[in-house]
C-alpha atoms as a PDB file:
ATOM      1  CA  MET A   1     -27.587  15.993   2.243  1.00  0.00           C
ATOM      2  CA  GLU A   2     -26.384  18.989   0.266  1.00  0.00           C
ATOM      3  CA  ASN A   3     -23.053  17.825  -1.141  1.00  0.00           C
ATOM      4  CA  VAL A   4     -23.836  14.809  -3.342  1.00  0.00           C
ATOM      5  CA  ARG A   5     -21.508  13.537  -6.053  1.00  0.00           C
ATOM      6  CA  THR A   6     -23.753  12.878  -9.072  1.00  0.00           C
ATOM      7  CA  PRO A   7     -23.040  10.165 -11.695  1.00  0.00           C
ATOM      8  CA  HIS A   8     -20.419  11.100 -14.279  1.00  0.00           C
ATOM      9  CA  VAL A   9     -20.212   8.002 -16.502  1.00  0.00           C
ATOM     10  CA  ALA A  10     -23.813   6.738 -16.370  1.00  0.00           C
ATOM     11  CA  GLY A  11     -24.927   6.134 -19.933  1.00  0.00           C
ATOM     12  CA  TYR A  12     -21.334   5.422 -20.991  1.00  0.00           C
ATOM     13  CA  PHE A  13     -19.859   2.751 -18.731  1.00  0.00           C
ATOM     14  CA  TYR A  14     -23.246   1.466 -17.583  1.00  0.00           C
ATOM     15  CA  PRO A  15     -26.935   2.232 -18.304  1.00  0.00           C
ATOM     16  CA  ALA A  16     -28.279   5.528 -16.983  1.00  0.00           C
ATOM     17  CA  ASP A  17     -31.835   4.207 -16.812  1.00  0.00           C
ATOM     18  CA  PRO A  18     -32.291   2.600 -13.361  1.00  0.00           C
ATOM     19  CA  VAL A  19     -34.527  -0.174 -14.664  1.00  0.00           C
ATOM     20  CA  LYS A  20     -32.128  -1.151 -17.449  1.00  0.00           C
ATOM     21  CA  LEU A  21     -29.192  -0.869 -15.053  1.00  0.00           C
ATOM     22  CA  GLN A  22     -30.808  -3.160 -12.495  1.00  0.00           C
ATOM     23  CA  GLU A  23     -31.758  -5.648 -15.215  1.00  0.00           C
ATOM     24  CA  GLU A  24     -28.192  -5.747 -16.551  1.00  0.00           C
ATOM     25  CA  ILE A  25     -26.616  -6.218 -13.129  1.00  0.00           C
ATOM     26  CA  SER A  26     -29.184  -8.879 -12.193  1.00  0.00           C
ATOM     27  CA  LEU A  27     -28.381 -10.772 -15.384  1.00  0.00           C
ATOM     28  CA  LEU A  28     -24.621 -10.532 -14.758  1.00  0.00           C
ATOM     29  CA  LEU A  29     -25.026 -11.759 -11.198  1.00  0.00           C
ATOM     30  CA  GLU A  30     -27.271 -14.608 -12.306  1.00  0.00           C
ATOM     31  CA  ILE A  31     -24.909 -15.958 -14.953  1.00  0.00           C
ATOM     32  CA  THR A  32     -21.866 -15.717 -12.670  1.00  0.00           C
ATOM     33  CA  LYS A  33     -23.175 -17.374  -9.533  1.00  0.00           C
ATOM     34  CA  PRO A  34     -20.177 -19.144  -7.968  1.00  0.00           C
ATOM     35  CA  GLU A  35     -20.040 -22.933  -7.952  1.00  0.00           C
ATOM     36  CA  LYS A  36     -17.893 -23.107  -4.990  1.00  0.00           C
ATOM     37  CA  VAL A  37     -10.528  -7.028  -6.733  1.00  0.00           C
ATOM     38  CA  SER A  38     -13.061  -5.816  -9.117  1.00  0.00           C
ATOM     39  CA  PRO A  39     -12.374  -4.242 -12.565  1.00  0.00           C
ATOM     40  CA  HIS A  40     -13.798  -0.848 -13.473  1.00  0.00           C
ATOM     41  CA  ALA A  41     -14.298  -0.790 -17.235  1.00  0.00           C
ATOM     42  CA  GLY A  42     -17.643  -0.508 -18.983  1.00  0.00           C
ATOM     43  CA  TYR A  43     -20.054  -3.255 -18.000  1.00  0.00           C
ATOM     44  CA  PRO A  44     -20.143  -4.897 -21.452  1.00  0.00           C
ATOM     45  CA  TYR A  45     -16.411  -5.538 -21.127  1.00  0.00           C
ATOM     46  CA  SER A  46     -15.660  -6.122 -17.432  1.00  0.00           C
ATOM     47  CA  GLY A  47     -19.112  -6.510 -15.871  1.00  0.00           C
ATOM     48  CA  LYS A  48     -19.115 -10.287 -15.954  1.00  0.00           C
ATOM     49  CA  THR A  49     -15.708 -10.538 -14.287  1.00  0.00           C
ATOM     50  CA  ALA A  50     -16.817  -8.073 -11.597  1.00  0.00           C
ATOM     51  CA  ALA A  51     -20.080  -9.960 -11.056  1.00  0.00           C
ATOM     52  CA  TYR A  52     -18.219 -13.140 -10.137  1.00  0.00           C
ATOM     53  CA  VAL A  53     -16.765 -11.557  -7.021  1.00  0.00           C
ATOM     54  CA  TYR A  54     -19.829  -9.511  -6.086  1.00  0.00           C
ATOM     55  CA  ASN A  55     -21.849 -12.722  -5.977  1.00  0.00           C
ATOM     56  CA  LEU A  56     -19.628 -13.814  -3.081  1.00  0.00           C
ATOM     57  CA  VAL A  57     -20.860 -10.978  -0.843  1.00  0.00           C
ATOM     58  CA  LYS A  58     -24.493 -10.930  -1.993  1.00  0.00           C
ATOM     59  CA  GLY A  59     -26.840 -10.639   0.965  1.00  0.00           C
ATOM     60  CA  LYS A  60     -24.077 -10.273   3.566  1.00  0.00           C
ATOM     61  CA  LYS A  61     -24.237  -7.527   6.187  1.00  0.00           C
ATOM     62  CA  TYR A  62     -21.726  -4.677   6.209  1.00  0.00           C
ATOM     63  CA  LYS A  63     -22.009  -1.274   7.863  1.00  0.00           C
ATOM     64  CA  ARG A  64     -19.693   0.337   5.359  1.00  0.00           C
ATOM     65  CA  VAL A  65     -17.899  -0.309   2.081  1.00  0.00           C
ATOM     66  CA  VAL A  66     -14.502   1.289   1.522  1.00  0.00           C
ATOM     67  CA  VAL A  67     -13.858   1.710  -2.211  1.00  0.00           C
ATOM     68  CA  ILE A  68     -10.248   2.492  -3.183  1.00  0.00           C
ATOM     69  CA  SER A  69      -9.423   3.589  -6.717  1.00  0.00           C
ATOM     70  CA  PRO A  70      -6.622   5.103  -8.771  1.00  0.00           C
ATOM     71  CA  SER A  71      -7.010   8.564 -10.257  1.00  0.00           C
ATOM     72  CA  HIS A  72      -7.420   8.589 -14.027  1.00  0.00           C
ATOM     73  CA  SER A  73      -8.293  12.237 -14.590  1.00  0.00           C
ATOM     74  CA  GLU A  74      -5.982  14.243 -12.333  1.00  0.00           C
ATOM     75  CA  TYR A  75      -2.742  13.895 -10.408  1.00  0.00           C
ATOM     76  CA  PHE A  76      -2.402  15.032  -6.827  1.00  0.00           C
ATOM     77  CA  PRO A  77      -0.089  14.044  -3.976  1.00  0.00           C
ATOM     78  CA  GLY A  78      -1.453  11.797  -1.275  1.00  0.00           C
ATOM     79  CA  THR A  79      -4.818  10.108  -0.845  1.00  0.00           C
ATOM     80  CA  SER A  80      -8.161  11.897  -1.094  1.00  0.00           C
ATOM     81  CA  VAL A  81     -11.155  10.705   0.934  1.00  0.00           C
ATOM     82  CA  TYR A  82     -14.404  12.124  -0.425  1.00  0.00           C
ATOM     83  CA  ASN A  83     -15.431  15.181   1.614  1.00  0.00           C
ATOM     84  CA  GLY A  84     -19.092  15.244   0.611  1.00  0.00           C
ATOM     85  CA  ASP A  85     -22.300  13.781   1.965  1.00  0.00           C
ATOM     86  CA  ALA A  86     -23.068  11.057  -0.565  1.00  0.00           C
ATOM     87  CA  TYR A  87     -22.484   9.495  -3.969  1.00  0.00           C
ATOM     88  CA  GLU A  88     -25.450   9.150  -6.313  1.00  0.00           C
ATOM     89  CA  THR A  89     -26.069   6.477  -8.961  1.00  0.00           C
ATOM     90  CA  PRO A  90     -29.151   5.730 -11.063  1.00  0.00           C
ATOM     91  CA  LEU A  91     -30.092   3.219  -8.333  1.00  0.00           C
ATOM     92  CA  GLY A  92     -30.136   5.856  -5.598  1.00  0.00           C
ATOM     93  CA  THR A  93     -27.966   7.797  -3.166  1.00  0.00           C
ATOM     94  CA  ILE A  94     -25.385   6.213  -0.853  1.00  0.00           C
ATOM     95  CA  GLU A  95     -24.441   8.139   2.269  1.00  0.00           C
ATOM     96  CA  ALA A  96     -20.773   8.695   3.061  1.00  0.00           C
ATOM     97  CA  ASP A  97     -19.505   7.356   6.385  1.00  0.00           C
ATOM     98  CA  LYS A  98     -18.166  10.590   7.869  1.00  0.00           C
ATOM     99  CA  ASP A  99     -17.203   9.096  11.228  1.00  0.00           C
ATOM    100  CA  PHE A 100     -15.025   6.449   9.577  1.00  0.00           C
ATOM    101  CA  ARG A 101     -13.572   9.100   7.250  1.00  0.00           C
ATOM    102  CA  ASP A 102     -12.605  11.315  10.182  1.00  0.00           C
ATOM    103  CA  LYS A 103     -10.911   8.406  11.960  1.00  0.00           C
ATOM    104  CA  LEU A 104      -9.025   7.517   8.780  1.00  0.00           C
ATOM    105  CA  ILE A 105      -7.562  10.964   8.225  1.00  0.00           C
ATOM    106  CA  ASN A 106      -6.873  11.671  11.899  1.00  0.00           C
ATOM    107  CA  GLY A 107      -3.149  12.142  12.459  1.00  0.00           C
ATOM    108  CA  SER A 108      -2.218  11.397   8.831  1.00  0.00           C
ATOM    109  CA  LYS A 109      -0.055  13.693   6.728  1.00  0.00           C
ATOM    110  CA  THR A 110      -0.922  12.012   3.424  1.00  0.00           C
ATOM    111  CA  ILE A 111      -4.619  11.093   3.779  1.00  0.00           C
ATOM    112  CA  TYR A 112      -7.065  13.986   3.753  1.00  0.00           C
ATOM    113  CA  LYS A 113     -10.637  15.033   2.999  1.00  0.00           C
ATOM    114  CA  GLY A 114     -11.111  16.518  -0.457  1.00  0.00           C
ATOM    115  CA  MET A 115     -12.713  16.477  -3.876  1.00  0.00           C
ATOM    116  CA  GLU A 116      -9.417  15.701  -5.595  1.00  0.00           C
ATOM    117  CA  GLY A 117      -9.905  12.649  -7.790  1.00  0.00           C
ATOM    118  CA  HIS A 118     -13.630  12.389  -7.142  1.00  0.00           C
ATOM    119  CA  ARG A 119     -15.014  14.861  -9.672  1.00  0.00           C
ATOM    120  CA  LYS A 120     -14.809  12.708 -12.801  1.00  0.00           C
ATOM    121  CA  GLU A 121     -13.297   9.423 -11.596  1.00  0.00           C
ATOM    122  CA  HIS A 122     -15.129   6.386 -12.975  1.00  0.00           C
ATOM    123  CA  ALA A 123     -13.273   3.659 -11.059  1.00  0.00           C
ATOM    124  CA  ILE A 124     -15.322   4.208  -7.905  1.00  0.00           C
ATOM    125  CA  GLU A 125     -18.575   5.040  -9.642  1.00  0.00           C
ATOM    126  CA  VAL A 126     -18.823   1.817 -11.668  1.00  0.00           C
ATOM    127  CA  GLN A 127     -18.506  -0.291  -8.492  1.00  0.00           C
ATOM    128  CA  LEU A 128     -21.434   1.340  -6.715  1.00  0.00           C
ATOM    129  CA  PRO A 129     -24.422  -0.062  -8.672  1.00  0.00           C
ATOM    130  CA  PHE A 130     -23.032  -3.569  -8.124  1.00  0.00           C
ATOM    131  CA  ILE A 131     -22.645  -2.877  -4.412  1.00  0.00           C
ATOM    132  CA  GLN A 132     -26.169  -1.450  -4.232  1.00  0.00           C
ATOM    133  CA  SER A 133     -27.467  -4.594  -5.921  1.00  0.00           C
ATOM    134  CA  VAL A 134     -25.877  -7.091  -3.528  1.00  0.00           C
ATOM    135  CA  LEU A 135     -25.903  -5.200  -0.203  1.00  0.00           C
ATOM    136  CA  SER A 136     -28.352  -3.066   1.732  1.00  0.00           C
ATOM    137  CA  ASP A 137     -28.212  -0.535   4.552  1.00  0.00           C
ATOM    138  CA  PHE A 138     -24.568   0.487   4.247  1.00  0.00           C
ATOM    139  CA  LYS A 139     -22.490   3.634   3.938  1.00  0.00           C
ATOM    140  CA  ILE A 140     -19.482   4.202   1.694  1.00  0.00           C
ATOM    141  CA  VAL A 141     -15.979   5.560   2.109  1.00  0.00           C
ATOM    142  CA  PRO A 142     -14.781   6.613  -1.384  1.00  0.00           C
ATOM    143  CA  ILE A 143     -10.972   6.889  -1.561  1.00  0.00           C
ATOM    144  CA  VAL A 144      -8.867   7.966  -4.551  1.00  0.00           C
ATOM    145  CA  MET A 145      -5.086   7.556  -4.553  1.00  0.00           C
ATOM    146  CA  GLY A 146      -3.480  10.433  -6.420  1.00  0.00           C
ATOM    147  CA  ASP A 147      -0.038   8.915  -5.937  1.00  0.00           C
ATOM    148  CA  GLN A 148       0.494   5.151  -5.658  1.00  0.00           C
ATOM    149  CA  GLY A 149       4.029   5.342  -4.306  1.00  0.00           C
ATOM    150  CA  LYS A 150       5.069   3.052  -1.456  1.00  0.00           C
ATOM    151  CA  LEU A 151       4.865   5.838   1.130  1.00  0.00           C
ATOM    152  CA  PHE A 152       1.185   6.436   0.369  1.00  0.00           C
ATOM    153  CA  ILE A 153       0.364   2.741   0.052  1.00  0.00           C
ATOM    154  CA  ASP A 154       1.914   1.929   3.434  1.00  0.00           C
ATOM    155  CA  GLU A 155       0.214   4.837   5.183  1.00  0.00           C
ATOM    156  CA  LEU A 156      -3.255   4.008   3.854  1.00  0.00           C
ATOM    157  CA  ALA A 157      -2.877   0.300   4.606  1.00  0.00           C
ATOM    158  CA  GLN A 158      -1.721   1.000   8.161  1.00  0.00           C
ATOM    159  CA  LYS A 159      -4.509   3.482   8.882  1.00  0.00           C
ATOM    160  CA  LEU A 160      -7.189   1.198   7.444  1.00  0.00           C
ATOM    161  CA  SER A 161      -5.927  -1.771   9.442  1.00  0.00           C
ATOM    162  CA  GLU A 162      -6.293   0.227  12.651  1.00  0.00           C
ATOM    163  CA  ILE A 163      -9.994   1.035  12.186  1.00  0.00           C
ATOM    164  CA  ILE A 164     -11.604  -1.625   9.979  1.00  0.00           C
ATOM    165  CA  ASP A 165     -13.616  -4.459  11.505  1.00  0.00           C
ATOM    166  CA  ASP A 166     -15.672  -7.420  10.326  1.00  0.00           C
ATOM    167  CA  GLU A 167     -18.474  -5.012   9.379  1.00  0.00           C
ATOM    168  CA  THR A 168     -16.235  -3.266   6.841  1.00  0.00           C
ATOM    169  CA  LEU A 169     -15.848  -4.433   3.236  1.00  0.00           C
ATOM    170  CA  ILE A 170     -12.917  -3.125   1.177  1.00  0.00           C
ATOM    171  CA  VAL A 171     -13.199  -2.978  -2.608  1.00  0.00           C
ATOM    172  CA  SER A 172     -10.087  -2.147  -4.627  1.00  0.00           C
ATOM    173  CA  SER A 173     -10.929  -1.017  -8.146  1.00  0.00           C
ATOM    174  CA  SER A 174      -8.455  -1.797 -10.931  1.00  0.00           C
ATOM    175  CA  ASP A 175      -8.104  -2.974 -14.486  1.00  0.00           C
ATOM    176  CA  MET A 176      -5.033  -4.924 -15.560  1.00  0.00           C
ATOM    177  CA  SER A 177      -2.785  -4.434 -18.628  1.00  0.00           C
ATOM    178  CA  HIS A 178      -3.818  -1.931 -21.291  1.00  0.00           C
ATOM    179  CA  PHE A 179      -3.641  -2.193 -25.085  1.00  0.00           C
ATOM    180  CA  HIS A 180      -1.267  -5.085 -25.585  1.00  0.00           C
ATOM    181  CA  SER A 181      -1.900  -8.095 -27.770  1.00  0.00           C
ATOM    182  CA  LYS A 182      -3.925 -10.811 -26.094  1.00  0.00           C
ATOM    183  CA  GLN A 183      -0.844 -13.001 -25.743  1.00  0.00           C
ATOM    184  CA  GLU A 184       1.149 -10.181 -24.119  1.00  0.00           C
ATOM    185  CA  ALA A 185      -1.791  -9.333 -21.850  1.00  0.00           C
ATOM    186  CA  ILE A 186      -2.017 -12.923 -20.657  1.00  0.00           C
ATOM    187  CA  GLN A 187       1.667 -12.867 -19.708  1.00  0.00           C
ATOM    188  CA  LEU A 188       1.425  -9.517 -17.895  1.00  0.00           C
ATOM    189  CA  ASP A 189      -1.822 -10.243 -16.090  1.00  0.00           C
ATOM    190  CA  SER A 190      -0.683 -13.691 -14.985  1.00  0.00           C
ATOM    191  CA  VAL A 191       1.945 -11.951 -12.837  1.00  0.00           C
ATOM    192  CA  VAL A 192      -0.778 -10.126 -10.888  1.00  0.00           C
ATOM    193  CA  GLU A 193      -2.806 -13.323 -10.592  1.00  0.00           C
ATOM    194  CA  LYS A 194       0.215 -15.228  -9.258  1.00  0.00           C
ATOM    195  CA  ARG A 195       1.022 -12.564  -6.664  1.00  0.00           C
ATOM    196  CA  ILE A 196      -2.584 -12.358  -5.463  1.00  0.00           C
ATOM    197  CA  ASN A 197      -3.008 -16.127  -5.187  1.00  0.00           C
ATOM    198  CA  SER A 198       0.237 -16.420  -3.232  1.00  0.00           C
ATOM    199  CA  PHE A 199      -0.689 -13.352  -1.133  1.00  0.00           C
ATOM    200  CA  ASP A 200       2.640 -11.748  -1.968  1.00  0.00           C
ATOM    201  CA  PHE A 201       1.832  -8.040  -2.017  1.00  0.00           C
ATOM    202  CA  ASP A 202       5.465  -6.982  -1.555  1.00  0.00           C
ATOM    203  CA  SER A 203       6.477  -8.741  -4.776  1.00  0.00           C
ATOM    204  CA  LEU A 204       3.396  -7.364  -6.537  1.00  0.00           C
ATOM    205  CA  GLN A 205       4.433  -3.842  -5.614  1.00  0.00           C
ATOM    206  CA  LYS A 206       7.961  -4.465  -6.899  1.00  0.00           C
ATOM    207  CA  ASP A 207       6.557  -5.969 -10.130  1.00  0.00           C
ATOM    208  CA  LEU A 208       4.438  -2.865 -10.653  1.00  0.00           C
ATOM    209  CA  GLU A 209       7.348  -0.527  -9.952  1.00  0.00           C
ATOM    210  CA  SER A 210       9.644  -2.411 -12.360  1.00  0.00           C
ATOM    211  CA  ARG A 211       6.859  -2.621 -14.995  1.00  0.00           C
ATOM    212  CA  ASN A 212       6.988  -6.394 -14.922  1.00  0.00           C
ATOM    213  CA  THR A 213       3.197  -6.163 -14.917  1.00  0.00           C
ATOM    214  CA  GLU A 214       0.484  -3.515 -15.213  1.00  0.00           C
ATOM    215  CA  ALA A 215      -2.559  -2.514 -13.163  1.00  0.00           C
ATOM    216  CA  CYS A 216      -3.872   1.037 -13.077  1.00  0.00           C
ATOM    217  CA  GLY A 217      -5.118   0.347  -9.550  1.00  0.00           C
ATOM    218  CA  GLY A 218      -2.133  -1.678  -8.456  1.00  0.00           C
ATOM    219  CA  GLY A 219      -1.665   0.570  -5.439  1.00  0.00           C
ATOM    220  CA  PRO A 220      -5.220   0.020  -4.181  1.00  0.00           C
ATOM    221  CA  ILE A 221      -4.763  -3.743  -4.608  1.00  0.00           C
ATOM    222  CA  VAL A 222      -1.578  -3.701  -2.521  1.00  0.00           C
ATOM    223  CA  VAL A 223      -3.274  -1.481   0.080  1.00  0.00           C
ATOM    224  CA  MET A 224      -6.145  -3.940   0.453  1.00  0.00           C
ATOM    225  CA  MET A 225      -3.830  -6.948   0.792  1.00  0.00           C
ATOM    226  CA  LYS A 226      -1.449  -5.210   3.184  1.00  0.00           C
ATOM    227  CA  ALA A 227      -4.290  -3.928   5.396  1.00  0.00           C
ATOM    228  CA  ALA A 228      -5.769  -7.424   5.466  1.00  0.00           C
ATOM    229  CA  SER A 229      -2.392  -8.895   6.420  1.00  0.00           C
ATOM    230  CA  LEU A 230      -2.098  -6.455   9.315  1.00  0.00           C
ATOM    231  CA  ARG A 231      -5.508  -7.769  10.464  1.00  0.00           C
ATOM    232  CA  ASN A 232      -4.189 -11.348  10.160  1.00  0.00           C
ATOM    233  CA  LYS A 233      -6.212 -12.160   7.029  1.00  0.00           C
ATOM    234  CA  LYS A 234      -3.614 -13.680   4.734  1.00  0.00           C
ATOM    235  CA  HIS A 235      -5.353 -15.581   1.960  1.00  0.00           C
ATOM    236  CA  ALA A 236      -6.441 -14.469  -1.492  1.00  0.00           C
ATOM    237  CA  LEU A 237      -7.905 -16.098  -4.560  1.00  0.00           C
ATOM    238  CA  VAL A 238      -8.450 -14.862  -8.100  1.00  0.00           C
ATOM    239  CA  ILE A 239     -12.060 -15.652  -9.022  1.00  0.00           C
ATOM    240  CA  ASN A 240     -12.080 -14.695 -12.686  1.00  0.00           C
ATOM    241  CA  ARG A 241      -9.807 -13.211 -15.335  1.00  0.00           C
ATOM    242  CA  SER A 242     -10.707 -11.939 -18.801  1.00  0.00           C
ATOM    243  CA  ASP A 243      -9.929  -9.223 -21.325  1.00  0.00           C
ATOM    244  CA  SER A 244     -11.795  -6.980 -23.734  1.00  0.00           C
ATOM    245  CA  GLY A 245     -10.942  -9.234 -26.666  1.00  0.00           C
ATOM    246  CA  ASP A 246     -13.257 -11.880 -25.223  1.00  0.00           C
ATOM    247  CA  VAL A 247     -16.115  -9.481 -26.004  1.00  0.00           C
ATOM    248  CA  THR A 248     -14.974  -7.594 -29.093  1.00  0.00           C
ATOM    249  CA  GLY A 249     -13.106 -10.395 -30.851  1.00  0.00           C
ATOM    250  CA  ASP A 250     -10.243  -7.954 -31.473  1.00  0.00           C
ATOM    251  CA  ASN A 251      -7.129  -9.391 -29.819  1.00  0.00           C
ATOM    252  CA  THR A 252      -4.627  -6.876 -31.175  1.00  0.00           C
ATOM    253  CA  GLY A 253      -4.926  -4.399 -28.293  1.00  0.00           C
ATOM    254  CA  VAL A 254      -6.875  -5.608 -25.276  1.00  0.00           C
ATOM    255  CA  VAL A 255      -7.530  -4.418 -21.724  1.00  0.00           C
ATOM    256  CA  GLY A 256      -7.245  -7.048 -19.000  1.00  0.00           C
ATOM    257  CA  TYR A 257      -9.685  -7.580 -16.132  1.00  0.00           C
ATOM    258  CA  LEU A 258      -9.477  -9.591 -12.938  1.00  0.00           C
ATOM    259  CA  SER A 259     -11.588 -10.141  -9.845  1.00  0.00           C
ATOM    260  CA  ALA A 260     -10.329 -11.640  -6.607  1.00  0.00           C
ATOM    261  CA  VAL A 261     -11.192 -12.019  -2.949  1.00  0.00           C
ATOM    262  CA  VAL A 262      -9.024 -11.619   0.169  1.00  0.00           C
ATOM    263  CA  TYR A 263     -10.068 -13.580   3.253  1.00  0.00           C
ATOM    264  CA  GLY A 264      -8.955 -15.029   6.580  1.00  0.00           C
ATOM    265  CA  ASP A 265      -8.789 -18.593   7.850  1.00  0.00           C
END
């Protein structure tokens, strides 16, 4: 594999040393084992919330994991599916599923192969060590949405619904509200939680468009729910919600985090 996307935020958002990274993820998974959408901030802040949902798929078998993220570092029209051979993390290299990628972009005017959004984007990268820790023998399909408008959301959801199967896991990467007081963040993030739990992705999209709530990866969340609905999987549940103030103790300007699962009957 010649074209490998190397880690960009290792040592910042998560440990660059593979031993320390594996120890941290193992600890997070251990303390969040469930009794009965994953954020993408630094592990000290959002890692525990992410671990709750990754525990639910630990040890399951998937051929591929589709990771959908917003673009934080560059704007571009449409949706960019990574055009390289693999993504690399301190825990190893994960091969890209080129066959799935080619099926996804086939016939689409808004979904294409490219490096747009993948060069420095952290929202995909921070998911991968968790995925490597709970799954084995899988490929990835990294997707970055440069524009989260309804046209692009609908197209990606429709195309995914046509080619995904029970051996495909979709991970939508998103944080919630940014830099509001804790009280304001609770109000804003509760809107997303309500829409996810009621599986009302149309209202969630309208809430995001009207700024009734915030989620940097709101588009990817709606895509995941809409694609699931088209596959007749119409249930969702928020597993955990938190914010950065829970860690720092500073509640004047927090970032919200949420993890959830979408499932069928």
